[in-house]
Amino acid sequence: MRLIILLRVMRTTAAAAGALWAALSLGVLGCGDDEPEPISGPAKEVAGVVQTFERALRARDYERICRRLYARATARAAGGKRCAARQRKLARRIRDPRIRVESITIRGNAAAVDVVTTARKQPEVREKMQLVRERGRYRIASLGEPGD
């Protein structure tokens, strides 16, 4: 419940600036196979950002999230110079956050990632993360749009 509330609070906060919060673990799924489909190129870079985000979230490294993983507009929407402190406060009760990547779609300098987020004692939530290429790398622009 708290992860959903955090995502909704972040969605509300970030929606005003066109950016939201993302969370958690990596598991790229194949098309009906039990084995993950190998990825390369931009999709691999996007998957790496999601994985790095999960590690930072689990470590509660909000400075890294705000400064290195969020797009500039996302960090501004999440509190600007107070981004890390605000993220820390919003996420303080979330335990064992995870995200499962279901698909990655690349379109030019943008990427859409369908994910399922979970946290201890909370239900799964389908979300869509948006990433943008900024300063030479993909960065998190938003999370919170309902997944398919």
Protein backbone atom coordinates (compact mmCIF):
# COMPACT_ATOMS: atom_id res chain seq x y z
CA MET A 1 0.00 0.00 0.00
CA ARG A 2 2.76 2.47 0.89
CA LEU A 3 4.60 1.93 -2.42
CA ILE A 4 1.38 2.67 -4.28
CA ILE A 5 0.83 5.77 -2.14
CA LEU A 6 4.43 6.91 -2.74
CA LEU A 7 4.00 6.44 -6.48
CA ARG A 8 0.68 8.30 -6.41
CA VAL A 9 2.17 11.14 -4.36
CA MET A 10 5.14 11.29 -6.70
CA ARG A 11 2.85 11.06 -9.71
CA THR A 12 0.83 14.01 -8.41
CA THR A 13 3.93 16.04 -7.58
CA ALA A 14 5.75 15.25 -10.77
CA ALA A 15 2.74 15.44 -13.06
CA ALA A 16 2.71 19.18 -12.61
CA ALA A 17 6.19 19.30 -14.11
CA GLY A 18 5.69 16.33 -16.41
CA ALA A 19 7.86 13.90 -14.45
CA LEU A 20 7.36 11.18 -11.85
CA TRP A 21 9.09 8.63 -9.63
CA ALA A 22 10.31 5.12 -10.61
CA ALA A 23 11.47 2.15 -8.57
CA LEU A 24 13.30 -1.04 -8.32
CA SER A 25 14.44 -4.68 -9.74
CA LEU A 26 15.33 -5.89 -13.21
CA GLY A 27 13.95 -8.95 -15.00
CA VAL A 28 13.65 -8.58 -18.77
CA LEU A 29 11.18 -11.21 -19.98
CA GLY A 30 11.22 -12.99 -23.30
CA CYS A 31 8.25 -13.47 -25.57
CA GLY A 32 6.56 -16.38 -23.83
CA ASP A 33 9.86 -18.16 -23.14
CA ASP A 34 11.16 -19.02 -19.70
CA GLU A 35 14.55 -17.56 -20.60
CA PRO A 36 15.12 -13.80 -20.75
CA GLU A 37 15.56 -12.43 -24.24
CA PRO A 38 19.08 -11.05 -24.75
CA ILE A 39 19.16 -7.30 -25.19
CA SER A 40 21.71 -4.94 -26.71
CA GLY A 41 22.16 -1.35 -27.84
CA PRO A 42 19.88 1.34 -26.41
CA ALA A 43 17.53 -1.20 -24.78
CA LYS A 44 20.46 -2.60 -22.81
CA GLU A 45 21.40 0.91 -21.69
CA VAL A 46 17.80 1.58 -20.60
CA ALA A 47 17.68 -1.73 -18.69
CA GLY A 48 20.93 -0.73 -16.98
CA VAL A 49 19.41 2.56 -15.82
CA VAL A 50 16.42 0.71 -14.34
CA GLN A 51 18.75 -1.75 -12.61
CA THR A 52 20.95 1.04 -11.24
CA PHE A 53 17.84 2.85 -10.04
CA GLU A 54 16.69 -0.24 -8.17
CA ARG A 55 20.06 -0.65 -6.47
CA ALA A 56 20.10 3.03 -5.46
CA LEU A 57 16.53 2.85 -4.17
CA ARG A 58 17.23 -0.31 -2.16
CA ALA A 59 20.36 1.36 -0.74
CA ARG A 60 18.32 4.52 -0.08
CA ASP A 61 20.84 6.51 -2.11
CA TYR A 62 18.51 9.35 -3.03
CA GLU A 63 21.39 11.71 -3.87
CA ARG A 64 22.43 9.36 -6.67
CA ILE A 65 18.84 9.00 -7.84
CA CYS A 66 18.25 12.74 -7.97
CA ARG A 67 21.63 13.77 -9.40
CA ARG A 68 22.57 10.94 -11.73
CA LEU A 69 19.46 8.98 -12.67
CA TYR A 70 16.64 11.54 -12.90
CA ALA A 71 16.34 13.82 -15.90
CA ARG A 72 16.77 17.49 -14.98
CA ALA A 73 13.03 18.21 -15.14
CA THR A 74 12.29 15.17 -13.00
CA ALA A 75 14.75 16.26 -10.31
CA ARG A 76 13.31 19.80 -10.35
CA ALA A 77 9.76 18.44 -10.04
CA ALA A 78 10.83 16.17 -7.18
CA GLY A 79 12.14 19.07 -5.12
CA GLY A 80 15.15 20.56 -6.89
CA LYS A 81 17.94 21.02 -4.36
CA ARG A 82 15.76 19.24 -1.79
CA CYS A 83 15.00 16.31 -4.10
CA ALA A 84 16.97 13.72 -2.10
CA ALA A 85 15.47 14.80 1.24
CA ARG A 86 11.95 14.71 -0.18
CA GLN A 87 12.48 11.29 -1.78
CA ARG A 88 13.91 9.96 1.47
CA LYS A 89 10.85 11.19 3.39
CA LEU A 90 8.36 9.76 0.87
CA ALA A 91 10.07 6.36 0.76
CA ARG A 92 10.93 5.94 4.44
CA ARG A 93 8.45 3.09 5.05
CA ILE A 94 8.94 1.20 1.81
CA ARG A 95 10.72 -2.12 2.34
CA ASP A 96 12.25 -4.46 -0.21
CA PRO A 97 11.19 -2.51 -3.32
CA ARG A 98 11.41 -4.40 -6.63
CA ILE A 99 10.61 -3.80 -10.24
CA ARG A 100 10.24 -6.32 -13.01
CA VAL A 101 10.79 -5.04 -16.52
CA GLU A 102 8.29 -6.52 -18.93
CA SER A 103 9.17 -4.64 -22.11
CA ILE A 104 11.31 -1.81 -23.44
CA THR A 105 10.38 0.32 -26.45
CA ILE A 106 12.91 2.76 -27.91
CA ARG A 107 11.77 5.68 -30.06
CA GLY A 108 14.58 8.06 -30.96
CA ASN A 109 15.87 9.68 -27.78
CA ALA A 110 13.01 8.33 -25.66
CA ALA A 111 12.30 4.95 -24.11
CA ALA A 112 9.13 3.49 -22.59
CA VAL A 113 9.52 0.66 -20.09
CA ASP A 114 6.56 -1.43 -18.92
CA VAL A 115 7.26 -2.58 -15.36
CA VAL A 116 5.62 -4.28 -12.42
CA THR A 117 6.60 -2.75 -9.07
CA THR A 118 6.39 -4.49 -5.72
CA ALA A 119 7.42 -3.93 -2.12
CA ARG A 120 7.11 -6.01 1.02
CA LYS A 121 3.47 -6.49 2.07
CA GLN A 122 2.21 -4.54 -0.95
CA PRO A 123 0.47 -5.69 -4.11
CA GLU A 124 2.05 -5.61 -7.53
CA VAL A 125 1.42 -2.43 -9.52
CA ARG A 126 1.80 -2.14 -13.29
CA GLU A 127 3.49 1.09 -14.30
CA LYS A 128 5.11 2.64 -17.34
CA MET A 129 8.48 4.36 -16.95
CA GLN A 130 9.60 6.98 -19.44
CA LEU A 131 13.29 7.66 -20.01
CA VAL A 132 14.88 10.37 -22.13
CA ARG A 133 18.37 10.76 -23.53
CA GLU A 134 19.90 13.74 -21.78
CA ARG A 135 23.58 14.74 -21.47
CA GLY A 136 24.56 11.65 -23.47
CA ARG A 137 22.71 9.00 -21.40
CA TYR A 138 19.22 7.77 -20.68
CA ARG A 139 17.68 9.30 -17.57
CA ILE A 140 14.38 8.73 -15.78
CA ALA A 141 11.73 11.19 -16.93
CA SER A 142 8.67 9.64 -15.30
CA LEU A 143 6.98 6.66 -13.73
CA GLY A 144 3.40 6.24 -12.85
CA GLU A 145 1.40 5.99 -16.00
CA PRO A 146 -0.78 2.90 -15.76
CA GLY A 147 0.73 -0.05 -17.59
CA ASP A 148 -1.13 -1.98 -20.27
